Amino acid sequence: MPCVYAWGGSRDTWDKEGDVLHTCTIITTNANDLMKPIHNRMPVILDPEREAI
């Protein structure tokens, strides 16, 4: 069974006088012990129960 996680983030589409711009961002947090050797920040990982929020 594959392991799938959702990241916290935001997306939006801006339309200014016919110019459409799609934007997105990934919400980050302090790194956990597994990620600290790689980087001091990591994506917020959502529990499956909270994905819809």
PDB file of N, CA and C in Angstrom:
ATOM      1  N   MET A   1       0.850  -1.180   0.000  1.00  0.00           N
ATOM      2  CA  MET A   1       0.000   0.000   0.000  1.00  0.00           C
ATOM      3  C   MET A   1       0.891   1.237   0.000  1.00  0.00           C
ATOM      4  N   PRO A   2       0.711   2.151  -0.967  1.00  0.00           N
ATOM      5  CA  PRO A   2       1.564   3.346  -1.015  1.00  0.00           C
ATOM      6  C   PRO A   2       1.266   4.291   0.144  1.00  0.00           C
ATOM      7  N   CYS A   3       2.268   5.024   0.518  1.00  0.00           N
ATOM      8  CA  CYS A   3       2.154   6.005   1.592  1.00  0.00           C
ATOM      9  C   CYS A   3       1.947   7.382   0.952  1.00  0.00           C
ATOM     10  N   VAL A   4       0.808   8.018   1.192  1.00  0.00           N
ATOM     11  CA  VAL A   4       0.489   9.301   0.566  1.00  0.00           C
ATOM     12  C   VAL A   4       0.172  10.328   1.649  1.00  0.00           C
ATOM     13  N   TYR A   5       0.789  11.482   1.539  1.00  0.00           N
ATOM     14  CA  TYR A   5       0.559  12.559   2.499  1.00  0.00           C
ATOM     15  C   TYR A   5       0.124  13.817   1.763  1.00  0.00           C
ATOM     16  N   ALA A   6      -0.631  14.650   2.463  1.00  0.00           N
ATOM     17  CA  ALA A   6      -1.026  15.944   1.907  1.00  0.00           C
ATOM     18  C   ALA A   6      -0.222  17.037   2.597  1.00  0.00           C
ATOM     19  N   TRP A   7       0.211  18.031   1.836  1.00  0.00           N
ATOM     20  CA  TRP A   7       0.937  19.176   2.379  1.00  0.00           C
ATOM     21  C   TRP A   7      -0.019  20.338   2.544  1.00  0.00           C
ATOM     22  N   GLY A   8       0.240  21.149   3.558  1.00  0.00           N
ATOM     23  CA  GLY A   8      -0.539  22.367   3.738  1.00  0.00           C
ATOM     24  C   GLY A   8      -0.112  23.408   2.713  1.00  0.00           C
ATOM     25  N   GLY A   9      -1.062  24.091   2.144  1.00  0.00           N
ATOM     26  CA  GLY A   9      -0.722  25.116   1.166  1.00  0.00           C
ATOM     27  C   GLY A   9      -1.933  25.914   0.751  1.00  0.00           C
ATOM     28  N   SER A  10      -1.721  26.755  -0.227  1.00  0.00           N
ATOM     29  CA  SER A  10      -2.770  27.621  -0.735  1.00  0.00           C
ATOM     30  C   SER A  10      -2.567  27.809  -2.231  1.00  0.00           C
ATOM     31  N   ARG A  11      -3.661  27.972  -2.955  1.00  0.00           N
ATOM     32  CA  ARG A  11      -3.550  28.261  -4.390  1.00  0.00           C
ATOM     33  C   ARG A  11      -4.619  29.270  -4.755  1.00  0.00           C
ATOM     34  N   ASP A  12      -4.362  30.005  -5.799  1.00  0.00           N
ATOM     35  CA  ASP A  12      -5.316  31.017  -6.239  1.00  0.00           C
ATOM     36  C   ASP A  12      -5.076  31.328  -7.709  1.00  0.00           C
ATOM     37  N   THR A  13      -6.073  31.900  -8.349  1.00  0.00           N
ATOM     38  CA  THR A  13      -5.948  32.364  -9.729  1.00  0.00           C
ATOM     39  C   THR A  13      -6.321  33.836  -9.755  1.00  0.00           C
ATOM     40  N   TRP A  14      -5.445  34.620 -10.336  1.00  0.00           N
ATOM     41  CA  TRP A  14      -5.634  36.064 -10.434  1.00  0.00           C
ATOM     42  C   TRP A  14      -5.905  36.404 -11.892  1.00  0.00           C
ATOM     43  N   ASP A  15      -6.893  37.250 -12.095  1.00  0.00           N
ATOM     44  CA  ASP A  15      -7.208  37.689 -13.451  1.00  0.00           C
ATOM     45  C   ASP A  15      -7.282  39.212 -13.444  1.00  0.00           C
ATOM     46  N   LYS A  16      -6.311  39.825 -14.092  1.00  0.00           N
ATOM     47  CA  LYS A  16      -6.277  41.281 -14.175  1.00  0.00           C
ATOM     48  C   LYS A  16      -6.302  41.680 -15.645  1.00  0.00           C
ATOM     49  N   GLU A  17      -7.445  42.167 -16.061  1.00  0.00           N
ATOM     50  CA  GLU A  17      -7.612  42.635 -17.436  1.00  0.00           C
ATOM     51  C   GLU A  17      -7.211  41.574 -18.465  1.00  0.00           C
ATOM     52  N   GLY A  18      -7.644  40.316 -18.234  1.00  0.00           N
ATOM     53  CA  GLY A  18      -7.364  39.244 -19.175  1.00  0.00           C
ATOM     54  C   GLY A  18      -6.036  38.546 -18.980  1.00  0.00           C
ATOM     55  N   ASP A  19      -5.179  39.076 -18.119  1.00  0.00           N
ATOM     56  CA  ASP A  19      -3.909  38.425 -17.788  1.00  0.00           C
ATOM     57  C   ASP A  19      -4.141  37.480 -16.618  1.00  0.00           C
ATOM     58  N   VAL A  20      -4.060  36.166 -16.849  1.00  0.00           N
ATOM     59  CA  VAL A  20      -4.340  35.180 -15.806  1.00  0.00           C
ATOM     60  C   VAL A  20      -3.030  34.676 -15.215  1.00  0.00           C
ATOM     61  N   LEU A  21      -2.978  34.679 -13.893  1.00  0.00           N
ATOM     62  CA  LEU A  21      -1.801  34.202 -13.176  1.00  0.00           C
ATOM     63  C   LEU A  21      -2.240  33.181 -12.136  1.00  0.00           C
ATOM     64  N   HIS A  22      -1.692  31.969 -12.229  1.00  0.00           N
ATOM     65  CA  HIS A  22      -1.974  30.915 -11.253  1.00  0.00           C
ATOM     66  C   HIS A  22      -0.834  30.920 -10.236  1.00  0.00           C
ATOM     67  N   THR A  23      -1.179  30.965  -8.945  1.00  0.00           N
ATOM     68  CA  THR A  23      -0.157  30.994  -7.903  1.00  0.00           C
ATOM     69  C   THR A  23      -0.416  29.886  -6.887  1.00  0.00           C
ATOM     70  N   CYS A  24       0.660  29.484  -6.199  1.00  0.00           N
ATOM     71  CA  CYS A  24       0.525  28.503  -5.127  1.00  0.00           C
ATOM     72  C   CYS A  24       1.664  28.707  -4.126  1.00  0.00           C
ATOM     73  N   THR A  25       1.460  28.187  -2.943  1.00  0.00           N
ATOM     74  CA  THR A  25       2.480  28.254  -1.908  1.00  0.00           C
ATOM     75  C   THR A  25       2.400  26.988  -1.063  1.00  0.00           C
ATOM     76  N   ILE A  26       3.499  26.589  -0.485  1.00  0.00           N
ATOM     77  CA  ILE A  26       3.546  25.473   0.448  1.00  0.00           C
ATOM     78  C   ILE A  26       3.814  26.052   1.830  1.00  0.00           C
ATOM     79  N   ILE A  27       2.974  25.702   2.799  1.00  0.00           N
ATOM     80  CA  ILE A  27       3.167  26.172   4.162  1.00  0.00           C
ATOM     81  C   ILE A  27       4.241  25.309   4.821  1.00  0.00           C
ATOM     82  N   THR A  28       5.210  25.953   5.466  1.00  0.00           N
ATOM     83  CA  THR A  28       6.310  25.222   6.094  1.00  0.00           C
ATOM     84  C   THR A  28       6.299  25.402   7.607  1.00  0.00           C
ATOM     85  N   THR A  29       7.072  24.547   8.266  1.00  0.00           N
ATOM     86  CA  THR A  29       7.220  24.579   9.714  1.00  0.00           C
ATOM     87  C   THR A  29       8.659  24.184  10.055  1.00  0.00           C
ATOM     88  N   ASN A  30       9.008  24.225  11.322  1.00  0.00           N
ATOM     89  CA  ASN A  30      10.332  23.771  11.744  1.00  0.00           C
ATOM     90  C   ASN A  30      10.497  22.298  11.395  1.00  0.00           C
ATOM     91  N   ALA A  31      11.692  21.912  11.028  1.00  0.00           N
ATOM     92  CA  ALA A  31      11.966  20.527  10.652  1.00  0.00           C
ATOM     93  C   ALA A  31      11.850  19.598  11.856  1.00  0.00           C
ATOM     94  N   ASN A  32      11.349  18.391  11.593  1.00  0.00           N
ATOM     95  CA  ASN A  32      11.346  17.374  12.640  1.00  0.00           C
ATOM     96  C   ASN A  32      12.730  16.723  12.699  1.00  0.00           C
ATOM     97  N   ASP A  33      12.930  15.804  13.627  1.00  0.00           N
ATOM     98  CA  ASP A  33      14.250  15.198  13.815  1.00  0.00           C
ATOM     99  C   ASP A  33      14.755  14.475  12.572  1.00  0.00           C
ATOM    100  N   LEU A  34      13.850  13.893  11.780  1.00  0.00           N
ATOM    101  CA  LEU A  34      14.253  13.196  10.562  1.00  0.00           C
ATOM    102  C   LEU A  34      14.795  14.166   9.510  1.00  0.00           C
ATOM    103  N   MET A  35      14.182  15.343   9.399  1.00  0.00           N
ATOM    104  CA  MET A  35      14.559  16.304   8.364  1.00  0.00           C
ATOM    105  C   MET A  35      15.675  17.264   8.760  1.00  0.00           C
ATOM    106  N   LYS A  36      15.905  17.445  10.064  1.00  0.00           N
ATOM    107  CA  LYS A  36      16.909  18.418  10.522  1.00  0.00           C
ATOM    108  C   LYS A  36      18.281  18.268   9.873  1.00  0.00           C
ATOM    109  N   PRO A  37      18.777  17.051   9.639  1.00  0.00           N
ATOM    110  CA  PRO A  37      20.087  16.949   8.969  1.00  0.00           C
ATOM    111  C   PRO A  37      20.087  17.492   7.537  1.00  0.00           C
ATOM    112  N   ILE A  38      18.902  17.605   6.927  1.00  0.00           N
ATOM    113  CA  ILE A  38      18.796  18.063   5.540  1.00  0.00           C
ATOM    114  C   ILE A  38      18.534  19.560   5.464  1.00  0.00           C
ATOM    115  N   HIS A  39      17.582  20.041   6.294  1.00  0.00           N
ATOM    116  CA  HIS A  39      17.197  21.457   6.245  1.00  0.00           C
ATOM    117  C   HIS A  39      16.467  21.811   7.530  1.00  0.00           C
ATOM    118  N   ASN A  40      16.428  23.100   7.875  1.00  0.00           N
ATOM    119  CA  ASN A  40      15.770  23.521   9.117  1.00  0.00           C
ATOM    120  C   ASN A  40      14.264  23.741   8.969  1.00  0.00           C
ATOM    121  N   ARG A  41      13.723  23.657   7.739  1.00  0.00           N
ATOM    122  CA  ARG A  41      12.285  23.814   7.495  1.00  0.00           C
ATOM    123  C   ARG A  41      11.769  22.601   6.718  1.00  0.00           C
ATOM    124  N   MET A  42      10.478  22.362   6.814  1.00  0.00           N
ATOM    125  CA  MET A  42       9.850  21.271   6.062  1.00  0.00           C
ATOM    126  C   MET A  42       8.383  21.630   5.816  1.00  0.00           C
ATOM    127  N   PRO A  43       7.739  21.006   4.807  1.00  0.00           N
ATOM    128  CA  PRO A  43       6.319  21.271   4.569  1.00  0.00           C
ATOM    129  C   PRO A  43       5.475  20.805   5.748  1.00  0.00           C
ATOM    130  N   VAL A  44       4.370  21.510   5.995  1.00  0.00           N
ATOM    131  CA  VAL A  44       3.401  21.048   6.979  1.00  0.00           C
ATOM    132  C   VAL A  44       2.704  19.829   6.373  1.00  0.00           C
ATOM    133  N   ILE A  45       2.738  18.708   7.083  1.00  0.00           N
ATOM    134  CA  ILE A  45       2.114  17.474   6.613  1.00  0.00           C
ATOM    135  C   ILE A  45       0.782  17.317   7.346  1.00  0.00           C
ATOM    136  N   LEU A  46      -0.289  17.141   6.575  1.00  0.00           N
ATOM    137  CA  LEU A  46      -1.628  17.074   7.161  1.00  0.00           C
ATOM    138  C   LEU A  46      -2.051  15.634   7.421  1.00  0.00           C
ATOM    139  N   ASP A  47      -2.726  15.415   8.543  1.00  0.00           N
ATOM    140  CA  ASP A  47      -3.355  14.126   8.817  1.00  0.00           C
ATOM    141  C   ASP A  47      -4.504  13.960   7.843  1.00  0.00           C
ATOM    142  N   PRO A  48      -4.798  12.712   7.413  1.00  0.00           N
ATOM    143  CA  PRO A  48      -5.899  12.505   6.469  1.00  0.00           C
ATOM    144  C   PRO A  48      -7.228  13.113   6.943  1.00  0.00           C
ATOM    145  N   GLU A  49      -7.474  13.114   8.267  1.00  0.00           N
ATOM    146  CA  GLU A  49      -8.719  13.677   8.784  1.00  0.00           C
ATOM    147  C   GLU A  49      -8.795  15.189   8.578  1.00  0.00           C
ATOM    148  N   ARG A  50      -7.667  15.858   8.397  1.00  0.00           N
ATOM    149  CA  ARG A  50      -7.654  17.314   8.281  1.00  0.00           C
ATOM    150  C   ARG A  50      -7.446  17.823   6.855  1.00  0.00           C
ATOM    151  N   GLU A  51      -7.305  16.916   5.910  1.00  0.00           N
ATOM    152  CA  GLU A  51      -7.032  17.329   4.531  1.00  0.00           C
ATOM    153  C   GLU A  51      -8.118  18.234   3.968  1.00  0.00           C
ATOM    154  N   ALA A  52      -9.366  17.953   4.245  1.00  0.00           N
ATOM    155  CA  ALA A  52     -10.470  18.717   3.659  1.00  0.00           C
ATOM    156  C   ALA A  52     -10.530  20.141   4.184  1.00  0.00           C
ATOM    157  N   ILE A  53     -10.015  20.367   5.384  1.00  0.00           N
ATOM    158  CA  ILE A  53     -10.056  21.706   5.974  1.00  0.00           C
ATOM    159  C   ILE A  53      -9.212  22.630   5.146  1.00  0.00           C
TER     160      ILE A  53
END
